[in-house]
Protein backbone atom coordinates (compact mmCIF):
# COMPACT_ATOMS: atom_id res chain seq x y z
CA MET A 1 154.70 -176.02 -203.25
CA ARG A 2 158.02 -177.87 -202.76
CA ASN A 3 159.99 -175.27 -204.74
CA GLY A 4 158.46 -172.51 -202.63
CA LEU A 5 159.49 -174.32 -199.46
CA LEU A 6 163.03 -174.85 -200.77
CA PHE A 7 163.33 -171.16 -201.64
CA PHE A 8 162.10 -170.22 -198.17
CA ILE A 9 164.53 -172.59 -196.49
CA ALA A 10 167.44 -171.35 -198.63
CA PHE A 11 166.55 -167.76 -197.80
CA MET A 12 166.05 -168.36 -194.08
CA ILE A 13 169.24 -170.34 -193.60
CA SER A 14 171.64 -168.68 -195.96
CA PRO A 15 175.29 -168.69 -194.88
CA ALA A 16 174.88 -165.05 -193.85
CA ALA A 17 172.09 -166.03 -191.47
CA PHE A 18 173.98 -168.93 -189.89
CA GLY A 19 177.65 -168.11 -190.44
CA GLN A 20 180.03 -170.38 -192.30
CA ALA A 21 179.20 -173.62 -194.05
CA ASN A 22 178.27 -175.78 -191.11
CA ILE A 23 174.84 -176.27 -192.62
CA TYR A 24 173.40 -179.73 -193.17
CA GLU A 25 170.33 -179.89 -195.43
CA VAL A 26 167.66 -182.55 -195.71
CA THR A 27 168.29 -184.65 -198.80
CA ASN A 28 165.33 -186.88 -198.14
CA GLY A 29 162.92 -186.90 -195.27
CA SER A 30 159.48 -188.03 -194.31
CA ILE A 31 156.84 -187.37 -191.72
CA HIS A 32 154.32 -190.07 -190.93
CA PHE A 33 151.31 -189.63 -188.69
CA HIS A 34 148.63 -191.94 -187.48
CA SER A 35 145.45 -191.65 -185.52
CA ASP A 36 144.27 -194.83 -183.83
CA ALA A 37 140.63 -194.19 -182.88
CA PRO A 38 138.08 -196.80 -181.77
CA GLN A 39 136.37 -197.01 -185.17
CA GLU A 40 139.08 -196.02 -187.62
CA LEU A 41 142.81 -195.95 -188.20
CA ILE A 42 144.02 -192.94 -190.17
CA SER A 43 147.58 -192.94 -191.43
CA ALA A 44 149.40 -190.74 -193.93
CA ILE A 45 152.93 -189.79 -194.92
CA SER A 46 154.67 -186.86 -196.56
CA LYS A 47 158.04 -187.31 -198.21
CA ASN A 48 158.34 -183.56 -198.78
CA LEU A 49 160.14 -182.63 -195.57
CA VAL A 50 162.65 -179.83 -196.06
CA GLY A 51 165.01 -178.36 -193.53
CA ALA A 52 168.49 -177.74 -192.27
CA VAL A 53 170.67 -177.88 -189.18
CA ASP A 54 173.52 -175.50 -188.39
CA ILE A 55 175.84 -177.83 -186.48
CA SER A 56 178.04 -175.04 -185.11
CA LYS A 57 175.09 -173.24 -183.47
CA ARG A 58 172.96 -176.39 -182.99
CA THR A 59 170.00 -174.60 -184.58
CA PHE A 60 167.47 -176.16 -186.93
CA LEU A 61 164.44 -175.47 -189.12
CA PHE A 62 162.15 -178.12 -190.62
CA LYS A 63 158.98 -177.59 -192.68
CA VAL A 64 156.39 -179.70 -194.47
CA GLY A 65 153.47 -178.78 -196.69
CA ILE A 66 150.24 -180.07 -195.17
CA ALA A 67 148.67 -180.88 -198.55
CA SER A 68 151.65 -183.13 -199.37
CA PHE A 69 150.41 -185.90 -197.05
CA ALA A 70 149.25 -189.01 -198.92
CA GLY A 71 148.35 -192.62 -198.24
CA PHE A 72 144.99 -192.09 -196.61
CA ASN A 73 142.45 -194.94 -196.61
CA ASN A 74 140.39 -193.17 -199.27
CA PRO A 75 140.13 -189.82 -201.11
CA LEU A 76 137.35 -188.58 -198.82
CA GLN A 77 139.60 -189.05 -195.77
CA LYS A 78 142.29 -186.91 -197.40
CA GLU A 79 139.72 -184.28 -198.34
CA HIS A 80 138.44 -184.08 -194.75
CA PHE A 81 142.02 -183.92 -193.46
CA ASN A 82 142.86 -180.94 -195.69
CA GLU A 83 139.54 -179.07 -195.63
CA ASN A 84 137.91 -179.77 -192.26
CA TYR A 85 140.74 -180.46 -189.83
CA MET A 86 144.04 -179.01 -191.03
CA GLU A 87 142.50 -176.27 -193.22
CA SER A 88 145.54 -176.52 -195.48
CA ASP A 89 144.41 -173.58 -197.63
CA LEU A 90 144.66 -171.30 -194.57
CA TYR A 91 147.58 -173.07 -192.88
CA PRO A 92 149.61 -174.68 -195.67
CA ILE A 93 152.80 -175.41 -193.70
CA ALA A 94 153.77 -176.99 -190.41
CA SER A 95 157.21 -176.19 -189.03
CA TYR A 96 159.57 -176.82 -186.15
CA SER A 97 162.51 -174.52 -185.47
CA GLY A 98 164.81 -174.07 -182.53
CA LYS A 99 167.95 -175.42 -180.95
CA ILE A 100 169.44 -178.78 -179.98
CA ILE A 101 169.87 -178.69 -176.20
CA GLU A 102 172.79 -181.12 -175.81
CA GLU A 103 176.25 -180.31 -177.09
CA ILE A 104 177.56 -183.04 -179.34
CA ASP A 105 180.49 -183.35 -181.69
CA PHE A 106 178.91 -183.76 -185.11
CA SER A 107 182.34 -184.46 -186.62
CA LYS A 108 182.58 -187.79 -184.76
CA ASP A 109 180.65 -190.81 -185.99
CA GLY A 110 178.19 -192.00 -183.38
CA ASP A 111 174.65 -192.34 -182.09
CA TYR A 112 173.29 -189.51 -179.98
CA ASN A 113 170.05 -189.08 -178.07
CA VAL A 114 169.29 -185.38 -177.88
CA ARG A 115 166.45 -183.03 -177.10
CA ALA A 116 165.36 -180.34 -179.53
CA LYS A 117 163.69 -177.27 -178.07
CA GLY A 118 161.75 -174.93 -180.28
CA LYS A 119 158.57 -173.63 -181.81
CA LEU A 120 156.26 -176.25 -183.29
CA ILE A 121 153.71 -174.54 -185.52
CA ILE A 122 150.71 -176.55 -186.70
CA HIS A 123 147.37 -175.18 -187.93
CA GLY A 124 148.68 -171.65 -187.37
CA VAL A 125 149.21 -172.27 -183.63
CA GLU A 126 152.67 -172.08 -182.07
CA HIS A 127 153.78 -174.02 -179.01
CA GLN A 128 157.19 -174.37 -177.42
CA ARG A 129 158.05 -178.08 -177.43
CA ILE A 130 160.95 -180.20 -176.36
CA ILE A 131 161.12 -183.23 -178.63
CA LYS A 132 163.48 -186.16 -178.15
CA CYS A 133 165.49 -187.13 -181.23
CA HIS A 134 167.95 -189.84 -182.13
CA LEU A 135 170.84 -188.65 -184.32
CA ILE A 136 173.24 -190.88 -186.19
CA CYS A 137 176.35 -189.14 -187.47
CA LYS A 138 178.25 -191.28 -189.95
CA SER A 139 180.60 -190.48 -192.82
CA GLY A 140 179.70 -186.80 -192.86
CA GLN A 141 175.95 -187.40 -192.91
CA ILE A 142 173.34 -186.99 -190.19
CA THR A 143 170.20 -189.10 -189.81
CA VAL A 144 167.47 -187.74 -187.55
CA GLN A 145 164.72 -189.96 -186.16
CA SER A 146 162.00 -188.85 -183.78
CA ASP A 147 158.63 -190.01 -182.49
CA PHE A 148 156.31 -187.70 -180.60
CA VAL A 149 152.64 -187.00 -179.93
CA VAL A 150 150.53 -184.03 -180.98
CA GLN A 151 147.36 -183.24 -179.04
CA LEU A 152 144.79 -181.80 -181.48
CA VAL A 153 143.28 -179.53 -178.83
CA ASP A 154 146.68 -177.80 -178.40
CA TYR A 155 146.56 -176.67 -182.04
CA ASN A 156 142.86 -175.72 -182.23
CA ILE A 157 142.03 -178.69 -184.44
CA LYS A 158 138.43 -179.50 -183.68
CA ILE A 159 136.83 -182.93 -184.00
CA PRO A 160 133.10 -182.81 -184.76
CA ARG A 161 131.11 -184.91 -182.30
CA ILE A 162 129.77 -187.08 -185.15
CA VAL A 163 133.28 -188.40 -185.94
CA LEU A 164 134.67 -188.49 -182.40
CA ASP A 165 135.11 -192.29 -182.57
CA LYS A 166 136.88 -192.07 -185.93
CA LEU A 167 139.64 -189.59 -185.08
CA SER A 168 141.95 -189.77 -182.10
CA GLU A 169 142.55 -186.61 -180.09
CA GLU A 170 146.20 -187.71 -179.85
CA ILE A 171 148.16 -188.04 -183.11
CA LYS A 172 151.39 -190.04 -183.20
CA VAL A 173 154.07 -188.51 -185.41
CA SER A 174 157.29 -190.09 -186.71
CA VAL A 175 160.02 -188.15 -188.49
CA LEU A 176 162.96 -189.55 -190.41
CA ALA A 177 165.43 -187.29 -192.23
CA ASN A 178 168.82 -187.68 -193.85
CA LEU A 179 171.00 -184.58 -193.98
CA VAL A 180 174.24 -183.81 -195.80
CA SER A 181 176.59 -180.86 -195.64
CA ARG A 182 175.79 -177.93 -197.89
CA PRO A 183 178.83 -177.01 -199.99
CA SER A 184 180.31 -173.67 -198.95
CA SER A 185 179.81 -170.80 -201.32
């Protein structure tokens, strides 16, 4: 799955698609989510985040394979996550693509609070979202950190009544990614 995602990213953000080599690619990244419901805490992480940012156009694309999430309380919880809620066979990837709203100088070291505006696709449903991000530019690298909330109802993820107290309708998501410049071809 990871190789397929990397191929897709490389194809979608080739230098021809974005222009010259102002592309920064994720070298390591993770997405963590947790659901804090009255009867159960569900938490999982994927370290298979892939993506890139074109700093000259301020555009970005990030993707993660749904089945790559791990760290659940037990195997049954992971099975229910993939089969009953996320339906990862039908909707194997979540993605966020769009543009950074604020203009910043990526060549200068510094901390920047920005807003990213784009299409967040989860469970096959697309919504326009503005998500706040914290960027740290240092020594030619970019670190992206963001925390946001996903409402399950917005993405047609249904919670059976029998487990309503075990799964929150509001999922907290944290993203951390380190990006480095792609060498020009």
